[in-house]
Amino acid sequence: MNRDRISHFPQITFKIYSALIILLYLALPKLSFGQSLDRYEYSQVHMGTDFQIILYAPDSLVAQTASDAAYERIKELDQILSDYQEDSELNRLSSSSGSGKAVPVSDPLFYVINKAVNASELTDGAFDMTIGPFVKLWRITRRTQRLPSVDKINKASESVGYNYIELDESRQTVKLQEERMQLDAGGIGKGYAVDEALAILRDNNISSALIKGGGDIVVSNAPPNKKGWTIEVGMIEDGKQISNSLTICDKAISTSGDLFQYVELDGARYSHIINPQTGLGLTNQSKVTVIAPDGITADSYSSAISVMGPEKGINVVHQRPEMEFYFISKNNGKYKSWQSSGFKTE
């Protein structure tokens, strides 16, 4: 009797289980296997640049709802991280500099500043979120076509230094120790924004997407029937610029440099990327591409390696096995390139 009961119970359980699976399949057709997905593309301007979203979804309503939510998140972060908007949280924090007050900040702002300080420490200050005073001078320079005086640069430098940022993780506060400090999220904010937008898409059941904001790109799972997302990157071969492609999934890629964005003053060429040590735009012509697990890392390190140069940059990347980089320099009309061992194109 006991053997019969034991042998029959699994059969009854299996029949019930099978029936439940069939009912679930019929009740939730939109979650059925083999569902076709279509490609949708969107574009909006935020943070002073174009943010492009490409995603795969079962229908236009799902796609539109997800993309709207992602753009709303980018808009929220712009209101937090902008140094152009006077009432942004970043600017309100900067206005407290030198007051001796530890200011409570939002989760996003604390996260970004904490990441920025970490990048500064690992790059010996080549990345520095406190370069706002230099950025202000450089914006005037680009408008007037006149370099700032040595006195103005020296005065601004008194308020620049990531070591002047004091973080208290337990209270989630930030203290800016020197007067006239101005934080600038230009080399890290867009990377964080594309990360957050991709997270919003995932929350809306979008598993395959690409988001591009300026020179920052993040991707999730591969598009249907593809190995991954194909990203075109500029490279050097036999001393000439060529275009190759990378295939990536669940990664970020960021490109920084002045091969195409620069200003010429007094016979010298200056980049839009500022060296925190000099207060001036870089004078070396270069372009850096970094691959990293997320956008905030790729963004900050592509900026830092532009400042550091290829030799120091590759040493930093070697300490971060999850990162890869490709560096192009141009000197007297000739191109030269460096790359990490894992930077492979097709």
C-alpha atoms as a PDB file:
ATOM      1  CA  MET A   1       0.000   0.000   0.000  1.00  0.00           C
ATOM      2  CA  ASN A   2       2.734   2.423   0.927  1.00  0.00           C
ATOM      3  CA  ARG A   3       4.664   1.659  -2.258  1.00  0.00           C
ATOM      4  CA  ASP A   4       1.515   2.309  -4.354  1.00  0.00           C
ATOM      5  CA  ARG A   5       0.915   5.643  -2.663  1.00  0.00           C
ATOM      6  CA  ILE A   6       4.516   6.724  -3.172  1.00  0.00           C
ATOM      7  CA  SER A   7       4.577   5.705  -6.848  1.00  0.00           C
ATOM      8  CA  HIS A   8       1.248   7.330  -7.724  1.00  0.00           C
ATOM      9  CA  PHE A   9       1.788  10.650  -5.957  1.00  0.00           C
ATOM     10  CA  PRO A  10       4.459  11.898  -8.411  1.00  0.00           C
ATOM     11  CA  GLN A  11       2.164  11.050 -11.351  1.00  0.00           C
ATOM     12  CA  ILE A  12      -0.723  13.066  -9.899  1.00  0.00           C
ATOM     13  CA  THR A  13       1.634  15.944  -9.071  1.00  0.00           C
ATOM     14  CA  PHE A  14       3.041  15.927 -12.598  1.00  0.00           C
ATOM     15  CA  LYS A  15      -0.456  16.090 -14.140  1.00  0.00           C
ATOM     16  CA  ILE A  16      -1.451  19.015 -11.910  1.00  0.00           C
ATOM     17  CA  TYR A  17       1.833  20.786 -12.628  1.00  0.00           C
ATOM     18  CA  SER A  18       1.417  20.306 -16.387  1.00  0.00           C
ATOM     19  CA  ALA A  19      -2.124  21.675 -16.253  1.00  0.00           C
ATOM     20  CA  LEU A  20      -0.944  24.765 -14.377  1.00  0.00           C
ATOM     21  CA  ILE A  21       1.769  25.389 -16.966  1.00  0.00           C
ATOM     22  CA  ILE A  22      -0.801  25.219 -19.785  1.00  0.00           C
ATOM     23  CA  LEU A  23      -3.165  27.594 -17.963  1.00  0.00           C
ATOM     24  CA  LEU A  24      -0.340  30.053 -17.277  1.00  0.00           C
ATOM     25  CA  TYR A  25       0.706  29.969 -20.918  1.00  0.00           C
ATOM     26  CA  LEU A  26      -2.854  30.717 -22.071  1.00  0.00           C
ATOM     27  CA  ALA A  27      -3.475  33.389 -19.445  1.00  0.00           C
ATOM     28  CA  LEU A  28      -0.258  35.334 -20.160  1.00  0.00           C
ATOM     29  CA  PRO A  29       0.233  35.320 -23.929  1.00  0.00           C
ATOM     30  CA  LYS A  30       2.455  38.407 -23.851  1.00  0.00           C
ATOM     31  CA  LEU A  31       5.031  36.517 -21.806  1.00  0.00           C
ATOM     32  CA  SER A  32       4.995  33.483 -24.102  1.00  0.00           C
ATOM     33  CA  PHE A  33       8.143  32.054 -25.552  1.00  0.00           C
ATOM     34  CA  GLY A  34       9.318  33.125 -28.990  1.00  0.00           C
ATOM     35  CA  GLN A  35       7.612  36.521 -28.865  1.00  0.00           C
ATOM     36  CA  SER A  36       8.731  38.805 -31.670  1.00  0.00           C
ATOM     37  CA  LEU A  37      10.343  42.132 -30.803  1.00  0.00           C
ATOM     38  CA  ASP A  38      10.552  45.218 -32.990  1.00  0.00           C
ATOM     39  CA  ARG A  39      13.217  47.942 -33.025  1.00  0.00           C
ATOM     40  CA  TYR A  40      12.292  51.461 -31.856  1.00  0.00           C
ATOM     41  CA  GLU A  41      14.450  54.592 -31.863  1.00  0.00           C
ATOM     42  CA  TYR A  42      14.051  57.854 -29.953  1.00  0.00           C
ATOM     43  CA  SER A  43      16.036  61.065 -29.528  1.00  0.00           C
ATOM     44  CA  GLN A  44      15.848  63.986 -27.088  1.00  0.00           C
ATOM     45  CA  VAL A  45      18.251  66.745 -26.056  1.00  0.00           C
ATOM     46  CA  HIS A  46      19.296  66.826 -22.403  1.00  0.00           C
ATOM     47  CA  MET A  47      22.451  67.914 -20.582  1.00  0.00           C
ATOM     48  CA  GLY A  48      23.398  69.968 -23.624  1.00  0.00           C
ATOM     49  CA  THR A  49      23.630  66.971 -25.944  1.00  0.00           C
ATOM     50  CA  ASP A  50      21.505  64.499 -27.883  1.00  0.00           C
ATOM     51  CA  PHE A  51      20.452  61.348 -26.036  1.00  0.00           C
ATOM     52  CA  GLN A  52      19.546  58.521 -28.395  1.00  0.00           C
ATOM     53  CA  ILE A  53      17.675  55.407 -27.280  1.00  0.00           C
ATOM     54  CA  ILE A  54      17.401  52.252 -29.383  1.00  0.00           C
ATOM     55  CA  LEU A  55      15.364  49.437 -27.879  1.00  0.00           C
ATOM     56  CA  TYR A  56      13.512  46.264 -28.776  1.00  0.00           C
ATOM     57  CA  ALA A  57       9.953  45.853 -27.534  1.00  0.00           C
ATOM     58  CA  PRO A  58       6.812  43.831 -28.375  1.00  0.00           C
ATOM     59  CA  ASP A  59       4.833  46.916 -29.423  1.00  0.00           C
ATOM     60  CA  SER A  60       5.010  50.696 -29.737  1.00  0.00           C
ATOM     61  CA  LEU A  61       3.107  51.345 -26.494  1.00  0.00           C
ATOM     62  CA  VAL A  62       5.594  49.373 -24.405  1.00  0.00           C
ATOM     63  CA  ALA A  63       8.482  51.061 -26.223  1.00  0.00           C
ATOM     64  CA  GLN A  64       7.096  54.582 -25.810  1.00  0.00           C
ATOM     65  CA  THR A  65       6.284  54.097 -22.136  1.00  0.00           C
ATOM     66  CA  ALA A  66       9.762  52.772 -21.393  1.00  0.00           C
ATOM     67  CA  SER A  67      11.588  55.470 -23.359  1.00  0.00           C
ATOM     68  CA  ASP A  68       9.492  58.248 -21.780  1.00  0.00           C
ATOM     69  CA  ALA A  69      10.432  56.964 -18.326  1.00  0.00           C
ATOM     70  CA  ALA A  70      14.115  56.789 -19.287  1.00  0.00           C
ATOM     71  CA  TYR A  71      14.127  60.363 -20.600  1.00  0.00           C
ATOM     72  CA  GLU A  72      12.337  61.555 -17.476  1.00  0.00           C
ATOM     73  CA  ARG A  73      15.152  60.066 -15.392  1.00  0.00           C
ATOM     74  CA  ILE A  74      17.780  61.828 -17.511  1.00  0.00           C
ATOM     75  CA  LYS A  75      15.874  65.085 -17.055  1.00  0.00           C
ATOM     76  CA  GLU A  76      15.790  64.577 -13.271  1.00  0.00           C
ATOM     77  CA  LEU A  77      19.542  63.968 -13.183  1.00  0.00           C
ATOM     78  CA  ASP A  78      20.193  67.101 -15.231  1.00  0.00           C
ATOM     79  CA  GLN A  79      18.355  69.112 -12.579  1.00  0.00           C
ATOM     80  CA  ILE A  80      20.614  67.534  -9.952  1.00  0.00           C
ATOM     81  CA  LEU A  81      23.993  67.592 -11.740  1.00  0.00           C
ATOM     82  CA  SER A  82      23.881  70.673 -13.973  1.00  0.00           C
ATOM     83  CA  ASP A  83      26.255  73.551 -13.327  1.00  0.00           C
ATOM     84  CA  TYR A  84      24.285  75.702 -15.792  1.00  0.00           C
ATOM     85  CA  GLN A  85      21.033  75.653 -13.825  1.00  0.00           C
ATOM     86  CA  GLU A  86      21.425  78.022 -10.876  1.00  0.00           C
ATOM     87  CA  ASP A  87      19.056  76.071  -8.645  1.00  0.00           C
ATOM     88  CA  SER A  88      20.508  72.620  -9.377  1.00  0.00           C
ATOM     89  CA  GLU A  89      21.488  70.540  -6.363  1.00  0.00           C
ATOM     90  CA  LEU A  90      25.103  70.577  -7.539  1.00  0.00           C
ATOM     91  CA  ASN A  91      25.185  74.383  -7.577  1.00  0.00           C
ATOM     92  CA  ARG A  92      23.466  74.646  -4.205  1.00  0.00           C
ATOM     93  CA  LEU A  93      26.140  72.367  -2.771  1.00  0.00           C
ATOM     94  CA  SER A  94      28.911  74.410  -4.398  1.00  0.00           C
ATOM     95  CA  SER A  95      27.495  77.587  -2.872  1.00  0.00           C
ATOM     96  CA  SER A  96      28.123  76.082   0.577  1.00  0.00           C
ATOM     97  CA  SER A  97      31.870  75.789  -0.055  1.00  0.00           C
ATOM     98  CA  GLY A  98      34.079  77.254   2.646  1.00  0.00           C
ATOM     99  CA  SER A  99      31.200  77.498   5.105  1.00  0.00           C
ATOM    100  CA  GLY A 100      32.371  74.556   7.189  1.00  0.00           C
ATOM    101  CA  LYS A 101      28.951  72.933   6.807  1.00  0.00           C
ATOM    102  CA  ALA A 102      28.413  69.275   5.920  1.00  0.00           C
ATOM    103  CA  VAL A 103      25.467  69.336   3.507  1.00  0.00           C
ATOM    104  CA  PRO A 104      23.034  66.393   3.205  1.00  0.00           C
ATOM    105  CA  VAL A 105      22.665  65.440  -0.473  1.00  0.00           C
ATOM    106  CA  SER A 106      20.491  63.134  -2.540  1.00  0.00           C
ATOM    107  CA  ASP A 107      21.426  59.545  -3.357  1.00  0.00           C
ATOM    108  CA  PRO A 108      22.375  60.357  -6.987  1.00  0.00           C
ATOM    109  CA  LEU A 109      24.594  63.316  -6.099  1.00  0.00           C
ATOM    110  CA  PHE A 110      26.396  61.468  -3.298  1.00  0.00           C
ATOM    111  CA  TYR A 111      26.931  58.467  -5.603  1.00  0.00           C
ATOM    112  CA  VAL A 112      28.409  60.594  -8.394  1.00  0.00           C
ATOM    113  CA  ILE A 113      30.698  62.577  -6.080  1.00  0.00           C
ATOM    114  CA  ASN A 114      31.865  59.396  -4.357  1.00  0.00           C
ATOM    115  CA  LYS A 115      32.664  57.810  -7.740  1.00  0.00           C
ATOM    116  CA  ALA A 116      34.438  60.987  -8.833  1.00  0.00           C
ATOM    117  CA  VAL A 117      36.656  61.072  -5.751  1.00  0.00           C
ATOM    118  CA  ASN A 118      37.501  57.406  -6.240  1.00  0.00           C
ATOM    119  CA  ALA A 119      38.488  58.059  -9.872  1.00  0.00           C
ATOM    120  CA  SER A 120      40.581  61.042  -8.747  1.00  0.00           C
ATOM    121  CA  GLU A 121      42.471  58.909  -6.248  1.00  0.00           C
ATOM    122  CA  LEU A 122      43.159  56.156  -8.769  1.00  0.00           C
ATOM    123  CA  THR A 123      44.339  58.593 -11.460  1.00  0.00           C
ATOM    124  CA  ASP A 124      46.445  60.889  -9.251  1.00  0.00           C
ATOM    125  CA  GLY A 125      44.048  63.771  -9.829  1.00  0.00           C
ATOM    126  CA  ALA A 126      43.909  63.494 -13.630  1.00  0.00           C
ATOM    127  CA  PHE A 127      40.156  63.357 -13.112  1.00  0.00           C
ATOM    128  CA  ASP A 128      38.897  66.022 -10.726  1.00  0.00           C
ATOM    129  CA  MET A 129      35.293  67.073 -10.257  1.00  0.00           C
ATOM    130  CA  THR A 130      36.371  70.302  -8.518  1.00  0.00           C
ATOM    131  CA  ILE A 131      37.670  71.926 -11.732  1.00  0.00           C
ATOM    132  CA  GLY A 132      34.600  74.179 -11.928  1.00  0.00           C
ATOM    133  CA  PRO A 133      36.624  77.400 -11.406  1.00  0.00           C
ATOM    134  CA  PHE A 134      38.872  76.429 -14.337  1.00  0.00           C
ATOM    135  CA  VAL A 135      35.831  75.544 -16.451  1.00  0.00           C
ATOM    136  CA  LYS A 136      34.369  79.011 -15.870  1.00  0.00           C
ATOM    137  CA  LEU A 137      37.616  80.622 -17.027  1.00  0.00           C
ATOM    138  CA  TRP A 138      37.801  78.376 -20.056  1.00  0.00           C
ATOM    139  CA  ARG A 139      34.268  79.190 -21.143  1.00  0.00           C
ATOM    140  CA  ILE A 140      35.221  82.855 -21.131  1.00  0.00           C
ATOM    141  CA  THR A 141      38.353  81.994 -23.109  1.00  0.00           C
ATOM    142  CA  ARG A 142      36.391  80.174 -25.788  1.00  0.00           C
ATOM    143  CA  ARG A 143      33.998  83.124 -26.064  1.00  0.00           C
ATOM    144  CA  THR A 144      36.604  85.899 -26.083  1.00  0.00           C
ATOM    145  CA  GLN A 145      39.381  83.949 -27.822  1.00  0.00           C
ATOM    146  CA  ARG A 146      41.793  85.170 -25.116  1.00  0.00           C
ATOM    147  CA  LEU A 147      43.679  82.976 -22.664  1.00  0.00           C
ATOM    148  CA  PRO A 148      43.126  83.683 -18.954  1.00  0.00           C
ATOM    149  CA  SER A 149      45.945  85.471 -17.181  1.00  0.00           C
ATOM    150  CA  VAL A 150      48.356  83.597 -14.922  1.00  0.00           C
ATOM    151  CA  ASP A 151      46.941  85.489 -11.948  1.00  0.00           C
ATOM    152  CA  LYS A 152      43.396  84.333 -12.722  1.00  0.00           C
ATOM    153  CA  ILE A 153      44.504  80.727 -13.145  1.00  0.00           C
ATOM    154  CA  ASN A 154      46.440  80.847  -9.883  1.00  0.00           C
ATOM    155  CA  LYS A 155      43.463  82.352  -8.066  1.00  0.00           C
ATOM    156  CA  ALA A 156      41.125  79.693  -9.441  1.00  0.00           C
ATOM    157  CA  SER A 157      43.562  76.918  -8.510  1.00  0.00           C
ATOM    158  CA  GLU A 158      43.156  77.809  -4.822  1.00  0.00           C
ATOM    159  CA  SER A 159      39.644  76.330  -5.008  1.00  0.00           C
ATOM    160  CA  VAL A 160      40.550  73.244  -7.061  1.00  0.00           C
ATOM    161  CA  GLY A 161      41.478  69.901  -5.528  1.00  0.00           C
ATOM    162  CA  TYR A 162      39.505  66.713  -4.960  1.00  0.00           C
ATOM    163  CA  ASN A 163      41.146  66.422  -1.529  1.00  0.00           C
ATOM    164  CA  TYR A 164      39.009  69.425  -0.488  1.00  0.00           C
ATOM    165  CA  ILE A 165      35.907  67.208  -0.695  1.00  0.00           C
ATOM    166  CA  GLU A 166      34.923  65.582   2.604  1.00  0.00           C
ATOM    167  CA  LEU A 167      32.385  62.751   2.370  1.00  0.00           C
ATOM    168  CA  ASP A 168      30.463  61.203   5.247  1.00  0.00           C
ATOM    169  CA  GLU A 169      28.804  58.035   3.979  1.00  0.00           C
ATOM    170  CA  SER A 170      26.985  57.289   7.236  1.00  0.00           C
ATOM    171  CA  ARG A 171      25.188  60.656   7.151  1.00  0.00           C
ATOM    172  CA  GLN A 172      25.329  61.034   3.340  1.00  0.00           C
ATOM    173  CA  THR A 173      26.781  64.519   3.588  1.00  0.00           C
ATOM    174  CA  VAL A 174      29.362  66.462   1.596  1.00  0.00           C
ATOM    175  CA  LYS A 175      31.576  69.244   2.904  1.00  0.00           C
ATOM    176  CA  LEU A 176      33.495  71.464   0.469  1.00  0.00           C
ATOM    177  CA  GLN A 177      36.359  72.795   2.553  1.00  0.00           C
ATOM    178  CA  GLU A 178      37.701  75.681   0.450  1.00  0.00           C
ATOM    179  CA  GLU A 179      35.929  78.888  -0.517  1.00  0.00           C
ATOM    180  CA  ARG A 180      34.668  79.454  -4.082  1.00  0.00           C
ATOM    181  CA  MET A 181      34.697  75.764  -4.947  1.00  0.00           C
ATOM    182  CA  GLN A 182      32.580  74.758  -7.925  1.00  0.00           C
ATOM    183  CA  LEU A 183      31.890  71.117  -8.724  1.00  0.00           C
ATOM    184  CA  ASP A 184      31.617  70.165 -12.377  1.00  0.00           C
ATOM    185  CA  ALA A 185      30.013  66.897 -13.487  1.00  0.00           C
ATOM    186  CA  GLY A 186      30.908  67.342 -17.148  1.00  0.00           C
ATOM    187  CA  GLY A 187      33.284  64.367 -17.245  1.00  0.00           C
ATOM    188  CA  ILE A 188      31.075  61.951 -15.328  1.00  0.00           C
ATOM    189  CA  GLY A 189      27.433  63.066 -15.362  1.00  0.00           C
ATOM    190  CA  LYS A 190      26.448  61.812 -18.812  1.00  0.00           C
ATOM    191  CA  GLY A 191      27.980  58.422 -18.072  1.00  0.00           C
ATOM    192  CA  TYR A 192      25.848  58.171 -14.960  1.00  0.00           C
ATOM    193  CA  ALA A 193      22.761  59.383 -16.833  1.00  0.00           C
ATOM    194  CA  VAL A 194      22.985  56.652 -19.487  1.00  0.00           C
ATOM    195  CA  ASP A 195      23.460  54.053 -16.728  1.00  0.00           C
ATOM    196  CA  GLU A 196      20.342  55.229 -14.932  1.00  0.00           C
ATOM    197  CA  ALA A 197      18.307  55.429 -18.141  1.00  0.00           C
ATOM    198  CA  LEU A 198      19.260  51.847 -18.998  1.00  0.00           C
ATOM    199  CA  ALA A 199      18.194  50.741 -15.508  1.00  0.00           C
ATOM    200  CA  ILE A 200      14.796  52.390 -16.076  1.00  0.00           C
ATOM    201  CA  LEU A 201      14.390  50.490 -19.344  1.00  0.00           C
ATOM    202  CA  ARG A 202      15.157  47.231 -17.534  1.00  0.00           C
ATOM    203  CA  ASP A 203      12.528  48.109 -14.919  1.00  0.00           C
ATOM    204  CA  ASN A 204      10.094  48.442 -17.831  1.00  0.00           C
ATOM    205  CA  ASN A 205      10.946  44.922 -19.101  1.00  0.00           C
ATOM    206  CA  ILE A 206      13.198  46.117 -21.927  1.00  0.00           C
ATOM    207  CA  SER A 207      16.077  43.652 -21.974  1.00  0.00           C
ATOM    208  CA  SER A 208      17.783  44.738 -25.192  1.00  0.00           C
ATOM    209  CA  ALA A 209      18.674  48.421 -25.541  1.00  0.00           C
ATOM    210  CA  LEU A 210      21.363  50.950 -26.395  1.00  0.00           C
ATOM    211  CA  ILE A 211      21.566  54.467 -24.973  1.00  0.00           C
ATOM    212  CA  LYS A 212      23.959  57.088 -26.320  1.00  0.00           C
ATOM    213  CA  GLY A 213      24.534  60.478 -24.716  1.00  0.00           C
ATOM    214  CA  GLY A 214      27.281  62.522 -26.362  1.00  0.00           C
ATOM    215  CA  GLY A 215      30.381  60.338 -26.369  1.00  0.00           C
ATOM    216  CA  ASP A 216      28.929  57.849 -23.863  1.00  0.00           C
ATOM    217  CA  ILE A 217      27.195  54.605 -24.824  1.00  0.00           C
ATOM    218  CA  VAL A 218      25.743  51.804 -22.694  1.00  0.00           C
ATOM    219  CA  VAL A 219      24.153  48.595 -23.969  1.00  0.00           C
ATOM    220  CA  SER A 220      22.284  45.716 -22.379  1.00  0.00           C
ATOM    221  CA  ASN A 221      21.509  42.312 -23.935  1.00  0.00           C
ATOM    222  CA  ALA A 222      22.139  41.701 -27.626  1.00  0.00           C
ATOM    223  CA  PRO A 223      19.424  42.564 -30.169  1.00  0.00           C
ATOM    224  CA  PRO A 224      17.328  39.620 -31.382  1.00  0.00           C
ATOM    225  CA  ASN A 225      19.356  37.117 -33.427  1.00  0.00           C
ATOM    226  CA  LYS A 226      22.594  39.062 -32.914  1.00  0.00           C
ATOM    227  CA  LYS A 227      25.785  38.336 -30.971  1.00  0.00           C
ATOM    228  CA  GLY A 228      25.800  41.833 -29.527  1.00  0.00           C
ATOM    229  CA  TRP A 229      25.607  45.530 -30.286  1.00  0.00           C
ATOM    230  CA  THR A 230      27.970  46.705 -33.018  1.00  0.00           C
ATOM    231  CA  ILE A 231      29.759  49.957 -32.137  1.00  0.00           C
ATOM    232  CA  GLU A 232      31.927  51.768 -34.677  1.00  0.00           C
ATOM    233  CA  VAL A 233      35.213  53.133 -33.313  1.00  0.00           C
ATOM    234  CA  GLY A 234      37.911  55.238 -34.962  1.00  0.00           C
ATOM    235  CA  MET A 235      41.310  53.554 -35.020  1.00  0.00           C
ATOM    236  CA  ILE A 236      44.723  53.902 -36.664  1.00  0.00           C
ATOM    237  CA  GLU A 237      46.175  51.488 -39.179  1.00  0.00           C
ATOM    238  CA  ASP A 238      49.396  52.120 -41.115  1.00  0.00           C
ATOM    239  CA  GLY A 239      49.368  55.706 -39.866  1.00  0.00           C
ATOM    240  CA  LYS A 240      45.878  56.424 -41.201  1.00  0.00           C
ATOM    241  CA  GLN A 241      42.494  56.768 -39.535  1.00  0.00           C
ATOM    242  CA  ILE A 242      40.107  53.900 -40.183  1.00  0.00           C
ATOM    243  CA  SER A 243      36.785  52.752 -38.739  1.00  0.00           C
ATOM    244  CA  ASN A 244      36.484  49.363 -37.047  1.00  0.00           C
ATOM    245  CA  SER A 245      33.685  47.818 -35.051  1.00  0.00           C
ATOM    246  CA  LEU A 246      33.310  46.326 -31.600  1.00  0.00           C
ATOM    247  CA  THR A 247      30.606  43.856 -30.597  1.00  0.00           C
ATOM    248  CA  ILE A 248      29.600  44.258 -26.959  1.00  0.00           C
ATOM    249  CA  CYS A 249      26.826  43.303 -24.517  1.00  0.00           C
ATOM    250  CA  ASP A 250      26.117  44.628 -21.035  1.00  0.00           C
ATOM    251  CA  LYS A 251      28.983  47.100 -21.205  1.00  0.00           C
ATOM    252  CA  ALA A 252      29.702  50.789 -21.683  1.00  0.00           C
ATOM    253  CA  ILE A 253      32.005  52.619 -24.053  1.00  0.00           C
ATOM    254  CA  SER A 254      33.078  56.251 -23.842  1.00  0.00           C
ATOM    255  CA  THR A 255      35.187  58.415 -26.152  1.00  0.00           C
ATOM    256  CA  SER A 256      36.944  61.649 -25.180  1.00  0.00           C
ATOM    257  CA  GLY A 257      39.424  63.807 -27.032  1.00  0.00           C
ATOM    258  CA  ASP A 258      40.175  66.882 -29.076  1.00  0.00           C
ATOM    259  CA  LEU A 259      40.930  65.530 -32.533  1.00  0.00           C
ATOM    260  CA  PHE A 260      37.801  67.330 -33.668  1.00  0.00           C
ATOM    261  CA  GLN A 261      36.788  69.706 -30.806  1.00  0.00           C
ATOM    262  CA  TYR A 262      39.361  72.388 -30.009  1.00  0.00           C
ATOM    263  CA  VAL A 263      40.220  76.096 -30.164  1.00  0.00           C
ATOM    264  CA  GLU A 264      43.366  77.765 -31.534  1.00  0.00           C
ATOM    265  CA  LEU A 265      44.809  80.661 -29.504  1.00  0.00           C
ATOM    266  CA  ASP A 266      48.138  82.459 -29.909  1.00  0.00           C
ATOM    267  CA  GLY A 267      49.365  79.801 -32.312  1.00  0.00           C
ATOM    268  CA  ALA A 268      48.553  76.884 -30.014  1.00  0.00           C
ATOM    269  CA  ARG A 269      45.713  74.406 -30.147  1.00  0.00           C
ATOM    270  CA  TYR A 270      43.730  73.774 -26.943  1.00  0.00           C
ATOM    271  CA  SER A 271      41.290  70.981 -26.198  1.00  0.00           C
ATOM    272  CA  HIS A 272      37.898  71.353 -24.516  1.00  0.00           C
ATOM    273  CA  ILE A 273      39.267  68.887 -21.927  1.00  0.00           C
ATOM    274  CA  ILE A 274      40.901  70.772 -19.048  1.00  0.00           C
ATOM    275  CA  ASN A 275      44.015  69.587 -17.260  1.00  0.00           C
ATOM    276  CA  PRO A 276      43.338  69.953 -13.498  1.00  0.00           C
ATOM    277  CA  GLN A 277      47.047  70.584 -12.909  1.00  0.00           C
ATOM    278  CA  THR A 278      47.350  73.544 -15.309  1.00  0.00           C
ATOM    279  CA  GLY A 279      43.845  74.954 -15.539  1.00  0.00           C
ATOM    280  CA  LEU A 280      44.138  75.032 -19.348  1.00  0.00           C
ATOM    281  CA  GLY A 281      42.786  72.885 -22.136  1.00  0.00           C
ATOM    282  CA  LEU A 282      45.028  70.024 -23.228  1.00  0.00           C
ATOM    283  CA  THR A 283      47.471  70.869 -26.007  1.00  0.00           C
ATOM    284  CA  ASN A 284      48.135  67.300 -27.128  1.00  0.00           C
ATOM    285  CA  GLN A 285      45.858  66.116 -29.931  1.00  0.00           C
ATOM    286  CA  SER A 286      44.330  62.828 -28.858  1.00  0.00           C
ATOM    287  CA  LYS A 287      41.259  60.640 -28.696  1.00  0.00           C
ATOM    288  CA  VAL A 288      40.626  58.015 -26.025  1.00  0.00           C
ATOM    289  CA  THR A 289      38.078  55.194 -26.098  1.00  0.00           C
ATOM    290  CA  VAL A 290      37.409  53.261 -22.878  1.00  0.00           C
ATOM    291  CA  ILE A 291      35.307  50.118 -22.420  1.00  0.00           C
ATOM    292  CA  ALA A 292      34.042  49.508 -18.883  1.00  0.00           C
ATOM    293  CA  PRO A 293      31.261  47.694 -17.027  1.00  0.00           C
ATOM    294  CA  ASP A 294      29.190  50.892 -16.717  1.00  0.00           C
ATOM    295  CA  GLY A 295      28.892  54.359 -18.167  1.00  0.00           C
ATOM    296  CA  ILE A 296      30.010  56.321 -15.115  1.00  0.00           C
ATOM    297  CA  THR A 297      33.332  54.449 -15.087  1.00  0.00           C
ATOM    298  CA  ALA A 298      33.900  54.671 -18.837  1.00  0.00           C
ATOM    299  CA  ASP A 299      33.084  58.401 -18.865  1.00  0.00           C
ATOM    300  CA  SER A 300      35.356  59.426 -15.998  1.00  0.00           C
ATOM    301  CA  TYR A 301      38.308  57.287 -17.074  1.00  0.00           C
ATOM    302  CA  SER A 302      38.207  58.349 -20.715  1.00  0.00           C
ATOM    303  CA  SER A 303      38.512  61.945 -19.482  1.00  0.00           C
ATOM    304  CA  ALA A 304      41.287  61.025 -17.035  1.00  0.00           C
ATOM    305  CA  ILE A 305      43.346  59.066 -19.566  1.00  0.00           C
ATOM    306  CA  SER A 306      43.104  61.982 -21.999  1.00  0.00           C
ATOM    307  CA  VAL A 307      44.899  64.036 -19.331  1.00  0.00           C
ATOM    308  CA  MET A 308      47.313  61.312 -18.221  1.00  0.00           C
ATOM    309  CA  GLY A 309      48.497  60.245 -21.661  1.00  0.00           C
ATOM    310  CA  PRO A 310      48.848  56.708 -23.048  1.00  0.00           C
ATOM    311  CA  GLU A 311      51.713  55.368 -20.938  1.00  0.00           C
ATOM    312  CA  LYS A 312      50.208  56.271 -17.560  1.00  0.00           C
ATOM    313  CA  GLY A 313      46.746  55.482 -18.873  1.00  0.00           C
ATOM    314  CA  ILE A 314      47.601  51.923 -19.797  1.00  0.00           C
ATOM    315  CA  ASN A 315      49.077  51.365 -16.331  1.00  0.00           C
ATOM    316  CA  VAL A 316      45.790  52.468 -14.784  1.00  0.00           C
ATOM    317  CA  VAL A 317      43.800  50.165 -17.065  1.00  0.00           C
ATOM    318  CA  HIS A 318      46.079  47.222 -16.250  1.00  0.00           C
ATOM    319  CA  GLN A 319      45.038  47.676 -12.617  1.00  0.00           C
ATOM    320  CA  ARG A 320      41.388  47.446 -13.676  1.00  0.00           C
ATOM    321  CA  PRO A 321      41.008  44.155 -15.610  1.00  0.00           C
ATOM    322  CA  GLU A 322      37.352  44.924 -16.305  1.00  0.00           C
ATOM    323  CA  MET A 323      38.412  47.919 -18.433  1.00  0.00           C
ATOM    324  CA  GLU A 324      39.988  48.273 -21.902  1.00  0.00           C
ATOM    325  CA  PHE A 325      41.199  51.337 -23.781  1.00  0.00           C
ATOM    326  CA  TYR A 326      42.414  52.633 -27.149  1.00  0.00           C
ATOM    327  CA  PHE A 327      44.446  55.844 -27.397  1.00  0.00           C
ATOM    328  CA  ILE A 328      45.159  57.850 -30.561  1.00  0.00           C
ATOM    329  CA  SER A 329      47.573  60.783 -30.658  1.00  0.00           C
ATOM    330  CA  LYS A 330      48.426  63.108 -33.519  1.00  0.00           C
ATOM    331  CA  ASN A 331      51.748  64.931 -33.665  1.00  0.00           C
ATOM    332  CA  ASN A 332      53.051  66.881 -36.671  1.00  0.00           C
ATOM    333  CA  GLY A 333      50.386  65.320 -38.842  1.00  0.00           C
ATOM    334  CA  LYS A 334      51.299  61.735 -37.881  1.00  0.00           C
ATOM    335  CA  TYR A 335      49.085  59.367 -35.937  1.00  0.00           C
ATOM    336  CA  LYS A 336      50.154  56.913 -33.273  1.00  0.00           C
ATOM    337  CA  SER A 337      48.062  54.518 -31.228  1.00  0.00           C
ATOM    338  CA  TRP A 338      48.176  52.459 -28.033  1.00  0.00           C
ATOM    339  CA  GLN A 339      45.725  49.847 -26.818  1.00  0.00           C
ATOM    340  CA  SER A 340      45.167  47.402 -23.975  1.00  0.00           C
ATOM    341  CA  SER A 341      45.448  43.697 -24.738  1.00  0.00           C
ATOM    342  CA  GLY A 342      41.717  43.050 -24.503  1.00  0.00           C
ATOM    343  CA  PHE A 343      40.630  45.819 -26.876  1.00  0.00           C
ATOM    344  CA  LYS A 344      39.647  43.685 -29.864  1.00  0.00           C
ATOM    345  CA  THR A 345      37.755  44.760 -32.988  1.00  0.00           C
ATOM    346  CA  GLU A 346      36.240  42.776 -35.829  1.00  0.00           C
END
